[in-house]
Amino acid sequence: MKEIFDNTSPEMNPLHSLEQWDEDVLDRYPEPGQPAKAKEEFRNYDNPQRDTVREFYRLNHKYQTFDFVMEKRKEFLQFNRKEMPVWNAMEFLNTLVDDSDPDIDLDQLQHLLQTGEAIRHDGHPDWFVLTGFIHDMGKVLCLFGEPQWAVVGDTFPVGCKHSDKIVYPEFFDDNPDSKDERYNTKLGIYEEGCGLRNVHMSWGHDEYLYQITKDYLPEPALYMIRYHSFYAQHREHSYEHLMDDHDREMFEWVKKFNPYDLYSKSPKPPVLAELKPYYEDLIAKYLPKTIKL
């Protein structure tokens, strides 16, 4: 029997904001040169803030099954909800203003501008800058009623055994796939070295935006978009058995992108009026006049 989700309920959306997941990632993967938190400090279940993250991953790991991913691909990859210019889509995303981030009082668009500007400052190609600017645009899924655990969160392959390097691996015990002989072996439905292009990832903003942009951006940009939340691989190297040599080459770009995503936040807001013409030109260079969501 298909489970019915009430996407508006606090039970299905335990995070105070989507950025609470970003903050949790920063706790787990601090900026290079900064000391990591002790394991016992990270697993502080008595901390109410941590409890919301823990509950988020309980839901994520329980419900992100192979069948769920297939259903979401069928539902959202028709791209029949809205059509608009990319900049309008960014402003649409901007209705997800974060009111609870204790470190920064910036909205989504400003954070993305900061990411793009940090990449541009370091002299990377313009398509890399654009990738930084749009990389979270898939979070518009929340504006279509999707629960938080189906929008953000560390991503992982479905259709094979869950790695114990994924955050809160104990919660996979409640995932039906963990008891399904088709999906609970190391390779599951895949073959050794099959390449990630043949692997289905958990559903969320990464995969959604990849599917929107896959015909327009250079391949390194698409890897950055699709796998920037795949920490179990690009930080823990837990799925080498599914990757091929081309994936390993492209993941060097994912690793280059990751610090800009995690560590580019600054309390100084970008000047939107000054930057908008540059990013509009960049969008026009690589992406169509309108995109379908």
Protein backbone atom coordinates (compact mmCIF):
# COMPACT_ATOMS: atom_id res chain seq x y z
CA MET A 1 0.00 0.00 0.00
CA LYS A 2 1.42 3.39 -1.00
CA GLU A 3 2.21 5.63 1.95
CA ILE A 4 0.53 9.06 1.97
CA PHE A 5 2.69 11.99 3.10
CA ASP A 6 1.34 15.17 4.65
CA ASN A 7 4.08 17.44 3.35
CA THR A 8 2.96 20.38 5.48
CA SER A 9 3.22 18.62 8.83
CA PRO A 10 6.09 19.39 11.23
CA GLU A 11 6.66 15.64 11.43
CA MET A 12 7.60 15.56 7.74
CA ASN A 13 9.53 18.87 7.90
CA PRO A 14 11.51 18.82 11.16
CA LEU A 15 14.22 21.32 10.17
CA HIS A 16 13.69 24.94 11.17
CA SER A 17 14.97 25.82 7.69
CA LEU A 18 16.69 24.11 4.79
CA GLU A 19 19.93 25.84 5.81
CA GLN A 20 19.97 23.85 9.04
CA TRP A 21 21.12 20.92 6.93
CA ASP A 22 23.92 23.07 5.48
CA GLU A 23 25.04 23.99 8.99
CA ASP A 24 25.08 20.34 9.96
CA VAL A 25 27.32 19.54 6.98
CA LEU A 26 29.70 22.27 8.14
CA ASP A 27 29.83 20.61 11.56
CA ARG A 28 30.76 17.30 9.97
CA TYR A 29 33.18 18.71 7.41
CA PRO A 30 34.78 21.86 8.85
CA GLU A 31 36.88 24.18 6.74
CA PRO A 32 40.36 22.76 6.07
CA GLY A 33 42.68 23.68 8.89
CA GLN A 34 39.87 23.87 11.44
CA PRO A 35 39.56 21.07 14.03
CA ALA A 36 36.72 18.63 13.46
CA LYS A 37 34.19 18.10 16.21
CA ALA A 38 34.67 15.00 18.29
CA LYS A 39 32.33 12.18 17.34
CA GLU A 40 30.64 12.27 20.75
CA GLU A 41 30.07 16.02 20.34
CA PHE A 42 28.52 15.58 16.92
CA ARG A 43 26.21 12.80 18.14
CA ASN A 44 24.81 15.00 20.90
CA TYR A 45 21.23 13.79 20.95
CA ASP A 46 20.46 15.97 23.98
CA ASN A 47 20.86 19.09 21.87
CA PRO A 48 17.40 20.11 20.56
CA GLN A 49 18.94 21.65 17.43
CA ARG A 50 20.68 18.37 16.70
CA ASP A 51 17.48 16.43 17.34
CA THR A 52 15.75 18.16 14.43
CA VAL A 53 18.59 17.14 12.11
CA ARG A 54 18.48 13.63 13.48
CA GLU A 55 14.73 13.43 12.84
CA PHE A 56 15.25 14.81 9.35
CA TYR A 57 17.64 11.98 8.53
CA ARG A 58 15.37 9.39 10.14
CA LEU A 59 12.68 10.37 7.63
CA ASN A 60 15.12 10.70 4.76
CA HIS A 61 16.64 7.27 5.31
CA LYS A 62 13.29 5.60 5.89
CA TYR A 63 11.46 6.91 2.84
CA GLN A 64 14.18 7.37 0.17
CA THR A 65 13.65 3.96 -1.42
CA PHE A 66 14.28 2.87 -4.99
CA ASP A 67 10.54 2.94 -5.71
CA PHE A 68 10.20 6.41 -4.17
CA VAL A 69 12.97 7.76 -6.41
CA MET A 70 11.34 6.25 -9.48
CA GLU A 71 8.00 7.82 -8.55
CA LYS A 72 9.56 11.26 -8.05
CA ARG A 73 11.42 11.09 -11.34
CA LYS A 74 8.16 10.28 -13.09
CA GLU A 75 6.32 13.04 -11.24
CA PHE A 76 8.80 15.92 -11.56
CA LEU A 77 10.73 15.21 -14.72
CA GLN A 78 7.70 16.02 -16.82
CA PHE A 79 8.55 19.68 -16.04
CA ASN A 80 4.93 20.70 -16.28
CA ARG A 81 4.56 23.03 -13.28
CA LYS A 82 6.02 26.38 -14.34
CA GLU A 83 7.99 27.94 -17.17
CA MET A 84 10.00 31.08 -16.57
CA PRO A 85 13.33 32.83 -17.23
CA VAL A 86 16.17 31.53 -15.08
CA TRP A 87 16.47 34.79 -13.15
CA ASN A 88 12.76 34.60 -12.32
CA ALA A 89 13.31 31.04 -11.10
CA MET A 90 16.07 32.32 -8.81
CA GLU A 91 13.69 34.95 -7.44
CA PHE A 92 11.06 32.23 -7.05
CA LEU A 93 13.61 30.27 -5.03
CA ASN A 94 14.20 33.41 -3.02
CA THR A 95 10.80 33.07 -1.37
CA LEU A 96 12.58 30.42 0.73
CA VAL A 97 14.07 33.13 2.94
CA ASP A 98 15.89 31.63 5.90
CA ASP A 99 14.77 33.33 9.13
CA SER A 100 16.59 31.01 11.51
CA ASP A 101 20.23 30.84 10.40
CA PRO A 102 22.19 32.07 13.46
CA ASP A 103 25.31 32.80 11.45
CA ILE A 104 24.02 34.89 8.61
CA ASP A 105 20.97 36.97 7.73
CA LEU A 106 20.94 36.52 3.97
CA ASP A 107 18.31 35.12 1.67
CA GLN A 108 18.83 32.31 -0.81
CA LEU A 109 19.73 34.54 -3.75
CA GLN A 110 22.38 36.40 -1.79
CA HIS A 111 23.98 33.14 -0.66
CA LEU A 112 24.13 31.96 -4.28
CA LEU A 113 25.61 35.27 -5.38
CA GLN A 114 28.29 34.90 -2.72
CA THR A 115 29.10 31.41 -3.96
CA GLY A 116 29.37 32.59 -7.57
CA GLU A 117 31.45 35.62 -6.62
CA ALA A 118 33.91 33.54 -4.59
CA ILE A 119 34.42 31.29 -7.61
CA ARG A 120 34.80 34.27 -9.94
CA HIS A 121 37.31 35.91 -7.57
CA ASP A 122 39.54 32.85 -7.86
CA GLY A 123 39.59 33.09 -11.65
CA HIS A 124 37.68 29.96 -12.59
CA PRO A 125 35.88 29.61 -15.98
CA ASP A 126 32.59 31.45 -16.35
CA TRP A 127 30.59 28.20 -16.54
CA PHE A 128 32.02 27.34 -13.09
CA VAL A 129 30.83 30.74 -11.81
CA LEU A 130 27.36 30.11 -13.22
CA THR A 131 27.28 26.67 -11.58
CA GLY A 132 27.98 28.26 -8.21
CA PHE A 133 25.20 30.76 -8.78
CA ILE A 134 22.49 28.25 -9.72
CA HIS A 135 23.57 25.12 -7.82
CA ASP A 136 20.75 25.30 -5.24
CA MET A 137 18.00 26.30 -7.66
CA GLY A 138 16.52 22.80 -7.39
CA LYS A 139 15.34 23.68 -3.89
CA VAL A 140 12.25 25.12 -5.58
CA LEU A 141 10.95 21.58 -4.99
CA CYS A 142 9.95 22.82 -1.53
CA LEU A 143 7.71 25.41 -3.16
CA PHE A 144 5.89 22.56 -4.92
CA GLY A 145 4.98 20.97 -1.60
CA GLU A 146 7.82 18.48 -1.27
CA PRO A 147 8.92 17.57 2.28
CA GLN A 148 12.37 18.71 3.35
CA TRP A 149 13.85 15.21 3.37
CA ALA A 150 12.99 14.91 -0.37
CA VAL A 151 14.73 18.21 -1.22
CA VAL A 152 17.96 18.45 0.80
CA GLY A 153 20.18 16.03 2.69
CA ASP A 154 23.26 13.99 1.90
CA THR A 155 22.55 12.00 -1.26
CA PHE A 156 23.34 8.33 -1.85
CA PRO A 157 22.68 5.59 -4.41
CA VAL A 158 19.42 3.66 -4.17
CA GLY A 159 19.09 0.11 -5.46
CA CYS A 160 22.09 -1.22 -3.54
CA LYS A 161 23.32 -1.56 0.03
CA HIS A 162 23.55 1.68 2.01
CA SER A 163 27.07 2.55 3.10
CA ASP A 164 27.72 2.84 6.82
CA LYS A 165 29.61 6.05 6.00
CA ILE A 166 26.35 7.87 5.24
CA VAL A 167 25.32 10.12 8.12
CA TYR A 168 23.08 8.32 10.66
CA PRO A 169 23.34 4.93 8.92
CA GLU A 170 21.32 3.26 11.68
CA PHE A 171 18.14 4.80 10.30
CA PHE A 172 18.37 2.70 7.15
CA ASP A 173 17.12 -0.21 9.25
CA ASP A 174 13.61 1.20 8.67
CA ASN A 175 14.10 1.48 4.92
CA PRO A 176 12.26 -1.39 3.15
CA ASP A 177 15.09 -1.69 0.62
CA SER A 178 17.45 -2.82 3.38
CA LYS A 179 15.38 -6.01 3.65
CA ASP A 180 14.83 -6.47 -0.08
CA GLU A 181 17.21 -9.00 -1.64
CA ARG A 182 17.20 -7.03 -4.90
CA TYR A 183 18.62 -3.94 -3.24
CA ASN A 184 20.51 -4.89 -0.06
CA THR A 185 23.74 -6.31 -1.48
CA LYS A 186 26.89 -4.32 -2.19
CA LEU A 187 26.10 -4.04 -5.89
CA GLY A 188 22.32 -4.51 -5.76
CA ILE A 189 20.90 -3.91 -9.24
CA TYR A 190 24.21 -2.55 -10.56
CA GLU A 191 27.47 -3.98 -11.85
CA GLU A 192 31.00 -3.40 -10.62
CA GLY A 193 32.40 -0.22 -12.16
CA CYS A 194 29.17 0.51 -14.05
CA GLY A 195 29.64 4.27 -13.77
CA LEU A 196 27.44 6.72 -11.87
CA ARG A 197 25.53 7.60 -15.04
CA ASN A 198 23.89 4.17 -14.59
CA VAL A 199 23.18 4.63 -10.87
CA HIS A 200 20.01 6.15 -9.43
CA MET A 201 20.63 8.62 -6.60
CA SER A 202 18.28 9.55 -3.76
CA TRP A 203 15.82 12.22 -4.82
CA GLY A 204 16.40 15.90 -4.10
CA HIS A 205 17.44 19.29 -5.40
CA ASP A 206 20.73 18.01 -6.84
CA GLU A 207 19.18 15.47 -9.21
CA TYR A 208 16.30 17.77 -10.11
CA LEU A 209 18.56 20.63 -11.21
CA TYR A 210 20.85 18.25 -13.06
CA GLN A 211 17.90 17.06 -15.12
CA ILE A 212 16.92 20.68 -15.87
CA THR A 213 20.41 21.71 -17.02
CA LYS A 214 21.89 18.50 -18.47
CA ASP A 215 21.59 19.64 -22.11
CA TYR A 216 23.20 23.04 -21.60
CA LEU A 217 26.22 23.02 -19.28
CA PRO A 218 29.71 21.48 -19.59
CA GLU A 219 30.05 18.03 -18.08
CA PRO A 220 32.16 19.12 -15.08
CA ALA A 221 29.40 21.58 -14.15
CA LEU A 222 26.80 18.82 -14.35
CA TYR A 223 28.85 16.61 -12.04
CA MET A 224 29.12 19.48 -9.56
CA ILE A 225 25.36 19.99 -9.60
CA ARG A 226 24.40 16.33 -9.48
CA TYR A 227 26.86 15.12 -6.84
CA HIS A 228 27.67 18.08 -4.60
CA SER A 229 25.67 16.48 -1.75
CA PHE A 230 27.12 12.99 -2.33
CA TYR A 231 29.40 13.24 0.71
CA ALA A 232 29.56 9.46 1.15
CA GLN A 233 31.67 9.40 -2.00
CA HIS A 234 33.50 12.67 -2.46
CA ARG A 235 34.45 12.79 1.24
CA GLU A 236 34.27 9.15 2.39
CA HIS A 237 34.99 7.26 -0.89
CA SER A 238 32.34 4.65 -0.05
CA TYR A 239 31.08 3.90 -3.55
CA GLU A 240 34.29 3.36 -5.51
CA HIS A 241 32.89 0.00 -6.62
CA LEU A 242 30.19 1.74 -8.69
CA MET A 243 32.41 4.40 -10.25
CA ASP A 244 34.41 4.20 -13.43
CA ASP A 245 37.56 6.11 -14.39
CA HIS A 246 35.55 8.91 -15.99
CA ASP A 247 33.63 9.45 -12.74
CA ARG A 248 36.90 9.68 -10.84
CA GLU A 249 38.20 12.28 -13.27
CA MET A 250 35.01 14.34 -13.01
CA PHE A 251 34.90 14.10 -9.22
CA GLU A 252 38.02 16.26 -9.09
CA TRP A 253 35.69 19.05 -10.22
CA VAL A 254 33.16 18.15 -7.52
CA LYS A 255 35.93 18.45 -4.95
CA LYS A 256 36.93 21.85 -6.34
CA PHE A 257 33.37 23.07 -6.07
CA ASN A 258 32.60 21.82 -2.57
CA PRO A 259 34.57 24.43 -0.56
CA TYR A 260 32.83 27.27 -2.39
CA ASP A 261 29.46 25.81 -1.48
CA LEU A 262 30.34 25.25 2.17
CA TYR A 263 32.67 28.09 3.10
CA SER A 264 31.69 31.12 1.00
CA LYS A 265 29.11 32.57 3.41
CA SER A 266 29.85 36.09 4.55
CA PRO A 267 27.75 38.53 6.59
CA LYS A 268 28.37 41.24 3.97
CA PRO A 269 25.52 41.06 1.44
CA PRO A 270 26.35 41.23 -2.26
CA VAL A 271 25.13 44.32 -4.12
CA LEU A 272 22.44 42.80 -6.31
CA ALA A 273 22.07 45.82 -8.62
CA GLU A 274 25.78 45.69 -9.47
CA LEU A 275 25.94 41.95 -10.06
CA LYS A 276 22.65 41.25 -11.82
CA PRO A 277 23.79 42.34 -15.34
CA TYR A 278 26.84 40.06 -15.17
CA TYR A 279 24.81 37.01 -14.10
CA GLU A 280 22.04 37.71 -16.58
CA ASP A 281 24.64 37.72 -19.37
CA LEU A 282 26.14 34.51 -18.01
CA ILE A 283 22.74 32.84 -17.91
CA ALA A 284 22.04 33.94 -21.49
CA LYS A 285 25.37 32.50 -22.65
CA TYR A 286 24.69 28.97 -21.40
CA LEU A 287 21.00 28.47 -20.67
CA PRO A 288 17.77 28.91 -22.70
CA LYS A 289 15.60 31.99 -22.33
CA THR A 290 13.13 30.06 -20.21
CA ILE A 291 13.31 26.82 -18.25
CA LYS A 292 10.54 24.45 -17.30
CA LEU A 293 10.15 23.40 -13.68
